[in-house]
Amino acid sequence: MILKKKSLGQHFLIDENIARKIVRIAAVNQDDVVWEIGPGSGVLTKILLEKCRKLYAFEIDKEWFQYLESHYVNPKLNLINSDILQVDFNKYFDNEKVKIVANLPYQITSPLLFKILENRNLFSRITVMIQDEVADRICAPSGNKEYGKLSIKLQLYFRIRKEFIVPPHVFRPQPKVRSAVVQLFPKQDVPEILNHKQLWDLIDEVFNHRRKMLRVSLKLFLAKNKYEQLLDTSALDFTRRPEALSVQEFVELSNTIETIKKGA
């Protein structure tokens, strides 16, 4: 068996019962195209191949890639020796909605979730095992200390559900923290957003200064006279701090700023 390479930050699942539980809650069936990220020794790969129609497995490590090539010879399996963060998702998309089912390496969790978010129209469901504290962050409601950029951006487009905790002893090597399996379901009722880039910039800016009141952070987004118009016309309490605003309130705030900018 290949030793874990610390630079890749991966802890490999060794419990087949957990793998089967993950595939079961992901509702994988014979019609599904599935992407697995970081398959490693293939414990989850084996179960996915039993259930799905086609599996793309993205493995960055050359040794593990060769191991999978030799141990999992199956016409359903498409092995890709690439860094998923550098992959053009559309290259492996055949106009069929894809399910992601994966035990994610801890260190790529946030950047990968953002990349999935950018390509959200490709996916029907995402089921991933991640660090438990990251799971709490992406599920956090407004007003919670864990609520932040990742929470808002993902919750805007996905319904997120934390399914179950996974203890360290089912991995080799054992991590020092717990893991959790979460599912992300694309929303069909995303509110109208007048300027996506501005909304993203707004969220980033206010959470870069999360201890400041909104009235301070928002000055960057409007000229002085228009900023005063925002304070006068919006029903929002600008003495609040960013973690107090709901996802919907962030959308409405961004839309209001965009409307004022255009002079409507």
Protein backbone atom coordinates (compact mmCIF):
# COMPACT_ATOMS: atom_id res chain seq x y z
CA MET A 1 0.00 0.00 0.00
CA ILE A 2 1.25 3.48 -0.86
CA LEU A 3 2.06 5.78 2.05
CA LYS A 4 0.19 9.05 2.37
CA LYS A 5 2.08 12.03 0.98
CA LYS A 6 1.70 14.81 3.51
CA SER A 7 1.80 17.52 0.86
CA LEU A 8 -1.48 16.26 -0.55
CA GLY A 9 -3.23 16.40 2.81
CA GLN A 10 -5.22 13.22 2.27
CA HIS A 11 -6.53 10.69 4.76
CA PHE A 12 -7.83 7.56 3.05
CA LEU A 13 -11.09 5.92 4.03
CA ILE A 14 -10.58 2.25 4.97
CA ASP A 15 -14.10 1.39 6.17
CA GLU A 16 -16.20 -0.07 3.36
CA ASN A 17 -19.39 0.28 5.43
CA ILE A 18 -18.90 4.05 5.56
CA ALA A 19 -18.24 4.06 1.80
CA ARG A 20 -21.48 2.20 1.17
CA LYS A 21 -23.39 4.59 3.41
CA ILE A 22 -22.03 7.57 1.48
CA VAL A 23 -23.01 6.06 -1.88
CA ARG A 24 -26.43 5.16 -0.52
CA ILE A 25 -27.26 8.66 0.70
CA ALA A 26 -25.90 10.07 -2.57
CA ALA A 27 -28.66 8.01 -4.27
CA VAL A 28 -26.29 6.79 -6.99
CA ASN A 29 -28.02 4.58 -9.56
CA GLN A 30 -27.33 2.91 -12.89
CA ASP A 31 -28.29 6.03 -14.85
CA ASP A 32 -25.78 8.29 -13.12
CA VAL A 33 -22.52 9.82 -14.27
CA VAL A 34 -20.39 10.35 -11.16
CA TRP A 35 -17.19 12.26 -10.47
CA GLU A 36 -14.95 11.10 -7.65
CA ILE A 37 -12.14 13.40 -6.48
CA GLY A 38 -9.07 11.98 -4.76
CA PRO A 39 -9.97 8.26 -4.90
CA GLY A 40 -6.65 7.15 -3.41
CA SER A 41 -6.81 3.42 -2.66
CA GLY A 42 -10.26 3.12 -4.21
CA VAL A 43 -12.49 2.07 -1.29
CA LEU A 44 -15.21 4.46 -2.44
CA THR A 45 -14.37 3.85 -6.12
CA LYS A 46 -15.20 0.16 -5.76
CA ILE A 47 -18.70 0.88 -4.43
CA LEU A 48 -19.40 3.61 -6.98
CA LEU A 49 -18.51 1.26 -9.85
CA GLU A 50 -21.13 -1.20 -8.56
CA LYS A 51 -23.84 1.46 -8.69
CA CYS A 52 -23.23 4.07 -11.42
CA ARG A 53 -23.23 4.05 -15.22
CA LYS A 54 -19.98 5.98 -15.67
CA LEU A 55 -17.33 7.13 -13.20
CA TYR A 56 -14.69 9.80 -13.69
CA ALA A 57 -12.04 9.54 -10.96
CA PHE A 58 -9.61 12.47 -10.64
CA GLU A 59 -6.37 11.50 -8.88
CA ILE A 60 -3.47 13.96 -8.69
CA ASP A 61 -0.91 11.50 -7.31
CA LYS A 62 0.90 9.45 -9.97
CA GLU A 63 1.49 6.44 -7.73
CA TRP A 64 -2.11 6.19 -6.62
CA PHE A 65 -3.21 6.70 -10.23
CA GLN A 66 -1.08 3.72 -11.30
CA TYR A 67 -2.42 1.69 -8.38
CA LEU A 68 -6.00 2.39 -9.45
CA GLU A 69 -5.19 1.59 -13.08
CA SER A 70 -3.91 -1.84 -12.08
CA HIS A 71 -6.58 -2.69 -9.49
CA TYR A 72 -9.76 -1.29 -11.06
CA VAL A 73 -10.03 -2.41 -14.67
CA ASN A 74 -13.61 -1.56 -15.56
CA PRO A 75 -15.18 -0.08 -18.73
CA LYS A 76 -17.25 2.25 -16.55
CA LEU A 77 -14.13 3.87 -15.09
CA ASN A 78 -12.37 6.88 -16.58
CA LEU A 79 -9.22 7.65 -14.57
CA ILE A 80 -7.74 11.13 -14.89
CA ASN A 81 -4.28 11.89 -13.46
CA SER A 82 -4.84 15.60 -12.88
CA ASP A 83 -5.18 18.27 -10.22
CA ILE A 84 -8.93 18.82 -9.99
CA LEU A 85 -8.38 22.52 -9.25
CA GLN A 86 -6.71 22.89 -12.66
CA VAL A 87 -9.18 20.75 -14.63
CA ASP A 88 -11.55 22.28 -17.17
CA PHE A 89 -14.79 20.74 -15.91
CA ASN A 90 -16.48 21.11 -19.27
CA LYS A 91 -13.93 18.76 -20.83
CA TYR A 92 -15.49 15.88 -18.89
CA PHE A 93 -19.10 16.99 -19.14
CA ASP A 94 -21.32 15.25 -21.73
CA ASN A 95 -24.45 17.37 -21.35
CA GLU A 96 -25.68 15.12 -18.56
CA LYS A 97 -25.97 16.38 -15.01
CA VAL A 98 -23.21 14.90 -12.86
CA LYS A 99 -23.15 13.73 -9.26
CA ILE A 100 -20.01 14.35 -7.24
CA VAL A 101 -19.29 11.74 -4.57
CA ALA A 102 -15.93 12.09 -2.85
CA ASN A 103 -13.76 12.01 0.24
CA LEU A 104 -12.09 15.37 -0.32
CA PRO A 105 -8.51 16.10 0.68
CA TYR A 106 -8.84 18.63 3.50
CA GLN A 107 -6.55 21.27 1.99
CA ILE A 108 -8.51 21.64 -1.27
CA THR A 109 -12.00 21.70 0.26
CA SER A 110 -12.68 25.45 0.12
CA PRO A 111 -11.13 26.15 -3.31
CA LEU A 112 -12.87 23.11 -4.77
CA LEU A 113 -16.26 24.11 -3.35
CA PHE A 114 -15.80 27.55 -4.93
CA LYS A 115 -14.91 25.91 -8.25
CA ILE A 116 -18.00 23.71 -8.03
CA LEU A 117 -20.00 26.84 -7.28
CA GLU A 118 -18.68 28.51 -10.44
CA ASN A 119 -19.68 25.43 -12.46
CA ARG A 120 -22.88 24.69 -10.54
CA ASN A 121 -25.01 24.13 -13.65
CA LEU A 122 -23.11 20.91 -14.36
CA PHE A 123 -24.18 19.11 -11.19
CA SER A 124 -27.36 17.51 -9.87
CA ARG A 125 -26.04 16.65 -6.39
CA ILE A 126 -22.78 16.91 -4.47
CA THR A 127 -22.02 14.45 -1.66
CA VAL A 128 -18.64 14.98 -0.03
CA MET A 129 -16.78 14.05 3.10
CA ILE A 130 -14.96 17.07 4.52
CA GLN A 131 -13.52 18.33 7.78
CA ASP A 132 -16.31 18.65 10.35
CA GLU A 133 -15.53 22.28 11.16
CA VAL A 134 -15.81 23.18 7.44
CA ALA A 135 -19.14 21.35 7.31
CA ASP A 136 -20.35 23.48 10.21
CA ARG A 137 -19.15 26.61 8.43
CA ILE A 138 -20.97 25.97 5.17
CA CYS A 139 -24.18 25.02 7.00
CA ALA A 140 -24.05 27.91 9.47
CA PRO A 141 -27.08 30.25 9.62
CA SER A 142 -26.79 34.02 9.91
CA GLY A 143 -25.94 35.14 13.42
CA ASN A 144 -23.66 32.15 13.95
CA LYS A 145 -19.94 32.81 14.51
CA GLU A 146 -19.12 30.27 11.77
CA TYR A 147 -21.26 32.11 9.20
CA GLY A 148 -19.14 33.80 6.52
CA LYS A 149 -18.22 34.09 2.85
CA LEU A 150 -18.34 30.37 2.09
CA SER A 151 -21.65 29.92 3.94
CA ILE A 152 -23.41 32.71 2.05
CA LYS A 153 -22.09 31.98 -1.43
CA LEU A 154 -22.91 28.28 -1.22
CA GLN A 155 -26.28 28.74 0.51
CA LEU A 156 -27.36 31.17 -2.17
CA TYR A 157 -27.24 28.42 -4.80
CA PHE A 158 -27.47 25.19 -2.80
CA ARG A 159 -29.59 23.63 -0.11
CA ILE A 160 -26.99 22.11 2.22
CA ARG A 161 -27.47 19.24 4.62
CA LYS A 162 -24.99 17.77 7.08
CA GLU A 163 -25.64 14.03 7.02
CA PHE A 164 -23.39 12.34 9.57
CA ILE A 165 -20.10 12.55 11.47
CA VAL A 166 -17.20 10.27 10.53
CA PRO A 167 -14.70 9.44 13.31
CA PRO A 168 -10.91 9.51 12.73
CA HIS A 169 -10.36 5.76 13.22
CA VAL A 170 -11.94 4.84 9.85
CA PHE A 171 -9.07 6.59 8.01
CA ARG A 172 -5.42 5.77 7.40
CA PRO A 173 -3.51 7.71 8.51
CA GLN A 174 -5.91 8.92 11.18
CA PRO A 175 -6.63 12.65 11.07
CA LYS A 176 -6.57 14.69 14.27
CA VAL A 177 -10.09 15.98 13.64
CA ARG A 178 -13.51 14.57 12.84
CA SER A 179 -14.93 14.50 9.35
CA ALA A 180 -18.52 14.91 8.20
CA VAL A 181 -20.50 13.98 5.11
CA VAL A 182 -22.50 16.83 3.63
CA GLN A 183 -24.81 17.07 0.65
CA LEU A 184 -25.42 20.07 -1.58
CA PHE A 185 -28.58 20.18 -3.67
CA PRO A 186 -28.86 22.89 -6.36
CA LYS A 187 -31.67 25.35 -5.66
CA GLN A 188 -34.33 26.03 -8.24
CA ASP A 189 -35.49 29.29 -6.62
CA VAL A 190 -32.36 31.47 -6.63
CA PRO A 191 -33.34 35.15 -6.19
CA GLU A 192 -32.70 37.66 -8.97
CA ILE A 193 -29.19 39.15 -8.74
CA LEU A 194 -28.59 42.36 -10.69
CA ASN A 195 -24.81 42.20 -10.56
CA HIS A 196 -23.15 38.92 -9.53
CA LYS A 197 -19.63 40.32 -9.35
CA GLN A 198 -20.73 43.15 -7.12
CA LEU A 199 -22.54 40.76 -4.80
CA TRP A 200 -19.40 38.62 -4.50
CA ASP A 201 -17.22 41.70 -3.94
CA LEU A 202 -19.66 42.99 -1.33
CA ILE A 203 -19.62 39.72 0.61
CA ASP A 204 -15.82 39.55 0.45
CA GLU A 205 -15.34 43.14 1.57
CA VAL A 206 -17.68 43.14 4.54
CA PHE A 207 -16.33 39.82 5.84
CA ASN A 208 -12.75 41.00 5.45
CA HIS A 209 -13.81 43.50 8.12
CA ARG A 210 -16.42 41.41 9.87
CA ARG A 211 -16.15 43.30 13.18
CA LYS A 212 -17.03 46.60 11.52
CA MET A 213 -20.58 47.86 11.12
CA LEU A 214 -21.99 47.75 7.60
CA ARG A 215 -22.16 51.53 7.39
CA VAL A 216 -18.35 51.59 7.50
CA SER A 217 -17.61 48.76 5.06
CA LEU A 218 -20.17 49.88 2.46
CA LYS A 219 -18.56 53.27 1.83
CA LEU A 220 -16.32 51.69 -0.78
CA PHE A 221 -19.23 50.75 -3.02
CA LEU A 222 -20.80 54.15 -3.67
CA ALA A 223 -19.79 57.76 -4.14
CA LYS A 224 -20.53 59.90 -1.07
CA ASN A 225 -23.85 61.35 -2.28
CA LYS A 226 -25.09 57.93 -3.42
CA TYR A 227 -23.90 56.31 -0.21
CA GLU A 228 -26.02 58.79 1.72
CA GLN A 229 -28.94 57.93 -0.55
CA LEU A 230 -28.46 54.27 0.38
CA LEU A 231 -28.57 55.10 4.09
CA ASP A 232 -31.70 57.22 3.61
CA THR A 233 -33.70 54.84 1.42
CA SER A 234 -32.81 51.34 2.63
CA ALA A 235 -34.76 49.75 5.47
CA LEU A 236 -31.64 47.84 6.50
CA ASP A 237 -30.05 48.64 9.86
CA PHE A 238 -26.50 49.61 8.88
CA THR A 239 -25.24 49.40 12.45
CA ARG A 240 -25.41 45.61 12.09
CA ARG A 241 -22.35 43.54 11.38
CA PRO A 242 -22.14 41.26 8.34
CA GLU A 243 -22.75 37.97 10.15
CA ALA A 244 -26.19 39.28 11.17
CA LEU A 245 -27.46 39.50 7.55
CA SER A 246 -29.26 36.63 5.90
CA VAL A 247 -28.37 35.42 2.41
CA GLN A 248 -31.50 37.13 1.07
CA GLU A 249 -30.56 40.41 2.76
CA PHE A 250 -27.15 40.35 1.08
CA VAL A 251 -28.82 39.92 -2.31
CA GLU A 252 -31.27 42.74 -1.61
CA LEU A 253 -28.48 45.03 -0.39
CA SER A 254 -26.37 44.39 -3.49
CA ASN A 255 -29.38 44.93 -5.75
CA THR A 256 -30.16 48.23 -3.99
CA ILE A 257 -26.59 49.45 -4.45
CA GLU A 258 -26.70 48.49 -8.12
CA THR A 259 -29.98 50.33 -8.62
CA ILE A 260 -28.61 53.48 -6.94
CA LYS A 261 -25.44 53.31 -9.04
CA LYS A 262 -27.52 53.28 -12.22
CA GLY A 263 -29.63 56.15 -10.96
CA ALA A 264 -32.89 54.24 -11.24
